[in-house]
Amino acid sequence: MPIVAVIFVLLAGVGLAVQAPTNAALAKTSGSVLLSSLVSFIVGSAVLALAWAATDRTSPAGLRGAPTWAWAGGLYGACFVAAMAYAAPRLGLATTLTVAIASQLAMALVLDHFGLLGLKVTPVSLGRIAGVACVLVGIVLVRRG
């Protein structure tokens, strides 16, 4: 397992946990989940634009060859950010994150099993299903305290 990738994912997970209450605070202050989500995306887009300009500079022309469905990533991200900003203060952060992770894992099993969206086929197994089931049990335990 490439350690750098694991470290990046661990840091991203920490960022996601902090992002929901951060955006929820913006939503509470502004009175709008959508405005707080928009601000989150504007700040994130600015950071990515600066990082791209400073380090990468891959030509945007290469995007012309992307499949139509590949353009929907921002839509999913926007919906996720808004949902997390809405749900975190209502459900609590731990419950919100465990429900999000469970749904991500369930969808990941489907995507992997059928090799959808350009992924390699990784069949569903009893062990993989048991892993997702453990997360679902975790949701119940987190919710009940």
C-alpha atoms as a PDB file:
ATOM      1  CA  MET A   1       0.000   0.000   0.000  1.00  0.00           C
ATOM      2  CA  PRO A   2       1.551   3.329  -1.011  1.00  0.00           C
ATOM      3  CA  ILE A   3       2.063   5.212   2.252  1.00  0.00           C
ATOM      4  CA  VAL A   4       1.856   8.678   0.669  1.00  0.00           C
ATOM      5  CA  ALA A   5      -1.625   7.905  -0.679  1.00  0.00           C
ATOM      6  CA  VAL A   6      -2.730   6.636   2.734  1.00  0.00           C
ATOM      7  CA  ILE A   7      -1.412   9.786   4.416  1.00  0.00           C
ATOM      8  CA  PHE A   8      -3.239  12.003   1.892  1.00  0.00           C
ATOM      9  CA  VAL A   9      -6.495  10.104   2.471  1.00  0.00           C
ATOM     10  CA  LEU A  10      -6.084  10.296   6.258  1.00  0.00           C
ATOM     11  CA  LEU A  11      -5.557  14.059   6.046  1.00  0.00           C
ATOM     12  CA  ALA A  12      -8.532  14.378   3.682  1.00  0.00           C
ATOM     13  CA  GLY A  13     -10.672  12.475   6.177  1.00  0.00           C
ATOM     14  CA  VAL A  14      -9.648  14.872   8.935  1.00  0.00           C
ATOM     15  CA  GLY A  15     -10.512  17.753   6.611  1.00  0.00           C
ATOM     16  CA  LEU A  16     -13.957  16.309   5.884  1.00  0.00           C
ATOM     17  CA  ALA A  17     -14.667  15.944   9.591  1.00  0.00           C
ATOM     18  CA  VAL A  18     -13.719  19.573  10.206  1.00  0.00           C
ATOM     19  CA  GLN A  19     -15.462  20.841   7.062  1.00  0.00           C
ATOM     20  CA  ALA A  20     -19.009  19.986   8.168  1.00  0.00           C
ATOM     21  CA  PRO A  21     -19.011  22.006  11.412  1.00  0.00           C
ATOM     22  CA  THR A  22     -17.056  24.800   9.705  1.00  0.00           C
ATOM     23  CA  ASN A  23     -19.690  25.109   6.976  1.00  0.00           C
ATOM     24  CA  ALA A  24     -22.457  24.692   9.548  1.00  0.00           C
ATOM     25  CA  ALA A  25     -21.052  27.702  11.433  1.00  0.00           C
ATOM     26  CA  LEU A  26     -21.141  29.735   8.207  1.00  0.00           C
ATOM     27  CA  ALA A  27     -24.699  28.553   7.587  1.00  0.00           C
ATOM     28  CA  LYS A  28     -25.780  29.521  11.097  1.00  0.00           C
ATOM     29  CA  THR A  29     -24.163  32.949  10.807  1.00  0.00           C
ATOM     30  CA  SER A  30     -25.514  33.681   7.329  1.00  0.00           C
ATOM     31  CA  GLY A  31     -28.833  31.874   7.717  1.00  0.00           C
ATOM     32  CA  SER A  32     -28.217  29.882   4.528  1.00  0.00           C
ATOM     33  CA  VAL A  33     -26.825  26.382   3.993  1.00  0.00           C
ATOM     34  CA  LEU A  34     -26.537  27.118   0.278  1.00  0.00           C
ATOM     35  CA  LEU A  35     -24.580  30.343   0.789  1.00  0.00           C
ATOM     36  CA  SER A  36     -22.186  28.639   3.200  1.00  0.00           C
ATOM     37  CA  SER A  37     -21.690  25.804   0.707  1.00  0.00           C
ATOM     38  CA  LEU A  38     -21.056  28.307  -2.079  1.00  0.00           C
ATOM     39  CA  VAL A  39     -18.433  30.093   0.024  1.00  0.00           C
ATOM     40  CA  SER A  40     -16.809  26.729   0.747  1.00  0.00           C
ATOM     41  CA  PHE A  41     -16.583  25.969  -2.971  1.00  0.00           C
ATOM     42  CA  ILE A  42     -15.319  29.442  -3.868  1.00  0.00           C
ATOM     43  CA  VAL A  43     -12.528  29.208  -1.285  1.00  0.00           C
ATOM     44  CA  GLY A  44     -11.728  25.636  -2.319  1.00  0.00           C
ATOM     45  CA  SER A  45     -11.738  26.557  -6.007  1.00  0.00           C
ATOM     46  CA  ALA A  46      -9.405  29.485  -5.365  1.00  0.00           C
ATOM     47  CA  VAL A  47      -6.977  27.261  -3.449  1.00  0.00           C
ATOM     48  CA  LEU A  48      -7.054  24.634  -6.206  1.00  0.00           C
ATOM     49  CA  ALA A  49      -6.568  27.281  -8.923  1.00  0.00           C
ATOM     50  CA  LEU A  50      -3.520  28.644  -7.109  1.00  0.00           C
ATOM     51  CA  ALA A  51      -2.085  25.160  -6.530  1.00  0.00           C
ATOM     52  CA  TRP A  52      -2.659  24.225 -10.187  1.00  0.00           C
ATOM     53  CA  ALA A  53      -1.081  27.455 -11.435  1.00  0.00           C
ATOM     54  CA  ALA A  54       1.907  27.087  -9.130  1.00  0.00           C
ATOM     55  CA  THR A  55       2.683  23.403  -9.602  1.00  0.00           C
ATOM     56  CA  ASP A  56       0.836  21.631 -12.387  1.00  0.00           C
ATOM     57  CA  ARG A  57      -0.419  23.743 -15.273  1.00  0.00           C
ATOM     58  CA  THR A  58      -1.821  20.787 -17.200  1.00  0.00           C
ATOM     59  CA  SER A  59      -3.655  22.204 -20.196  1.00  0.00           C
ATOM     60  CA  PRO A  60      -7.441  22.412 -19.720  1.00  0.00           C
ATOM     61  CA  ALA A  61      -7.724  21.303 -23.366  1.00  0.00           C
ATOM     62  CA  GLY A  62      -7.173  17.753 -22.131  1.00  0.00           C
ATOM     63  CA  LEU A  63     -10.606  17.856 -20.524  1.00  0.00           C
ATOM     64  CA  ARG A  64     -12.269  17.731 -23.951  1.00  0.00           C
ATOM     65  CA  GLY A  65     -11.801  13.966 -23.991  1.00  0.00           C
ATOM     66  CA  ALA A  66     -13.499  13.371 -20.646  1.00  0.00           C
ATOM     67  CA  PRO A  67     -16.687  11.295 -20.668  1.00  0.00           C
ATOM     68  CA  THR A  68     -19.889  13.259 -20.094  1.00  0.00           C
ATOM     69  CA  TRP A  69     -20.499  11.702 -16.674  1.00  0.00           C
ATOM     70  CA  ALA A  70     -17.058  12.821 -15.461  1.00  0.00           C
ATOM     71  CA  TRP A  71     -18.270  16.445 -15.363  1.00  0.00           C
ATOM     72  CA  ALA A  72     -20.732  15.629 -12.546  1.00  0.00           C
ATOM     73  CA  GLY A  73     -18.070  15.423  -9.791  1.00  0.00           C
ATOM     74  CA  GLY A  74     -18.617  19.023  -8.738  1.00  0.00           C
ATOM     75  CA  LEU A  75     -22.359  18.376  -8.479  1.00  0.00           C
ATOM     76  CA  TYR A  76     -21.784  15.479  -6.083  1.00  0.00           C
ATOM     77  CA  GLY A  77     -19.334  17.545  -4.065  1.00  0.00           C
ATOM     78  CA  ALA A  78     -21.726  20.494  -3.818  1.00  0.00           C
ATOM     79  CA  CYS A  79     -24.582  18.263  -2.687  1.00  0.00           C
ATOM     80  CA  PHE A  80     -22.320  16.567  -0.143  1.00  0.00           C
ATOM     81  CA  VAL A  81     -21.040  19.832   1.312  1.00  0.00           C
ATOM     82  CA  ALA A  82     -24.557  21.266   1.603  1.00  0.00           C
ATOM     83  CA  ALA A  83     -25.956  18.055   3.110  1.00  0.00           C
ATOM     84  CA  MET A  84     -23.169  17.884   5.684  1.00  0.00           C
ATOM     85  CA  ALA A  85     -23.584  21.555   6.645  1.00  0.00           C
ATOM     86  CA  TYR A  86     -27.320  20.945   7.086  1.00  0.00           C
ATOM     87  CA  ALA A  87     -27.109  17.598   8.888  1.00  0.00           C
ATOM     88  CA  ALA A  88     -24.141  18.054  11.259  1.00  0.00           C
ATOM     89  CA  PRO A  89     -25.854  20.483  13.664  1.00  0.00           C
ATOM     90  CA  ARG A  90     -29.075  18.443  13.570  1.00  0.00           C
ATOM     91  CA  LEU A  91     -27.713  14.895  13.891  1.00  0.00           C
ATOM     92  CA  GLY A  92     -24.336  15.520  15.477  1.00  0.00           C
ATOM     93  CA  LEU A  93     -21.066  15.211  13.623  1.00  0.00           C
ATOM     94  CA  ALA A  94     -20.333  11.582  14.489  1.00  0.00           C
ATOM     95  CA  THR A  95     -23.742  10.368  13.312  1.00  0.00           C
ATOM     96  CA  THR A  96     -23.595  12.524  10.189  1.00  0.00           C
ATOM     97  CA  LEU A  97     -20.167  11.204   9.243  1.00  0.00           C
ATOM     98  CA  THR A  98     -20.993   7.555   9.958  1.00  0.00           C
ATOM     99  CA  VAL A  99     -24.136   7.745   7.810  1.00  0.00           C
ATOM    100  CA  ALA A 100     -22.128   9.413   5.027  1.00  0.00           C
ATOM    101  CA  ILE A 101     -19.368   6.819   5.250  1.00  0.00           C
ATOM    102  CA  ALA A 102     -21.858   3.941   5.252  1.00  0.00           C
ATOM    103  CA  SER A 103     -23.566   5.256   2.125  1.00  0.00           C
ATOM    104  CA  GLN A 104     -20.192   5.798   0.458  1.00  0.00           C
ATOM    105  CA  LEU A 105     -19.109   2.248   1.239  1.00  0.00           C
ATOM    106  CA  ALA A 106     -22.378   0.744   0.028  1.00  0.00           C
ATOM    107  CA  MET A 107     -22.120   2.656  -3.253  1.00  0.00           C
ATOM    108  CA  ALA A 108     -18.433   1.727  -3.513  1.00  0.00           C
ATOM    109  CA  LEU A 109     -19.381  -1.958  -3.361  1.00  0.00           C
ATOM    110  CA  VAL A 110     -21.789  -1.490  -6.263  1.00  0.00           C
ATOM    111  CA  LEU A 111     -19.346   0.580  -8.334  1.00  0.00           C
ATOM    112  CA  ASP A 112     -16.493  -1.868  -7.705  1.00  0.00           C
ATOM    113  CA  HIS A 113     -18.609  -4.964  -8.326  1.00  0.00           C
ATOM    114  CA  PHE A 114     -19.745  -3.797 -11.748  1.00  0.00           C
ATOM    115  CA  GLY A 115     -16.618  -1.815 -12.625  1.00  0.00           C
ATOM    116  CA  LEU A 116     -18.693   1.315 -13.178  1.00  0.00           C
ATOM    117  CA  LEU A 117     -17.298   4.776 -13.909  1.00  0.00           C
ATOM    118  CA  GLY A 118     -13.997   3.412 -15.168  1.00  0.00           C
ATOM    119  CA  LEU A 119     -13.132   1.364 -12.065  1.00  0.00           C
ATOM    120  CA  LYS A 120     -11.657  -2.110 -12.276  1.00  0.00           C
ATOM    121  CA  VAL A 121     -14.070  -4.892 -11.399  1.00  0.00           C
ATOM    122  CA  THR A 122     -13.722  -6.000  -7.781  1.00  0.00           C
ATOM    123  CA  PRO A 123     -16.499  -8.470  -6.994  1.00  0.00           C
ATOM    124  CA  VAL A 124     -18.588  -8.146  -3.862  1.00  0.00           C
ATOM    125  CA  SER A 125     -17.514 -10.705  -1.286  1.00  0.00           C
ATOM    126  CA  LEU A 126     -18.840 -11.798   2.053  1.00  0.00           C
ATOM    127  CA  GLY A 127     -15.924 -10.046   3.769  1.00  0.00           C
ATOM    128  CA  ARG A 128     -16.626  -6.766   2.004  1.00  0.00           C
ATOM    129  CA  ILE A 129     -20.320  -6.962   2.864  1.00  0.00           C
ATOM    130  CA  ALA A 130     -19.429  -7.768   6.478  1.00  0.00           C
ATOM    131  CA  GLY A 131     -17.193  -4.692   6.573  1.00  0.00           C
ATOM    132  CA  VAL A 132     -20.033  -2.441   5.456  1.00  0.00           C
ATOM    133  CA  ALA A 133     -22.359  -4.172   7.909  1.00  0.00           C
ATOM    134  CA  CYS A 134     -19.898  -3.326  10.713  1.00  0.00           C
ATOM    135  CA  VAL A 135     -20.087   0.322   9.705  1.00  0.00           C
ATOM    136  CA  LEU A 136     -23.895   0.138   9.768  1.00  0.00           C
ATOM    137  CA  VAL A 137     -23.737  -1.353  13.263  1.00  0.00           C
ATOM    138  CA  GLY A 138     -21.361   1.482  14.118  1.00  0.00           C
ATOM    139  CA  ILE A 139     -23.998   4.006  13.051  1.00  0.00           C
ATOM    140  CA  VAL A 140     -26.476   2.492  15.475  1.00  0.00           C
ATOM    141  CA  LEU A 141     -23.904   2.460  18.296  1.00  0.00           C
ATOM    142  CA  VAL A 142     -22.809   6.052  17.616  1.00  0.00           C
ATOM    143  CA  ARG A 143     -26.423   7.206  17.432  1.00  0.00           C
ATOM    144  CA  ARG A 144     -27.398   5.509  20.691  1.00  0.00           C
ATOM    145  CA  GLY A 145     -24.297   6.755  22.496  1.00  0.00           C
END
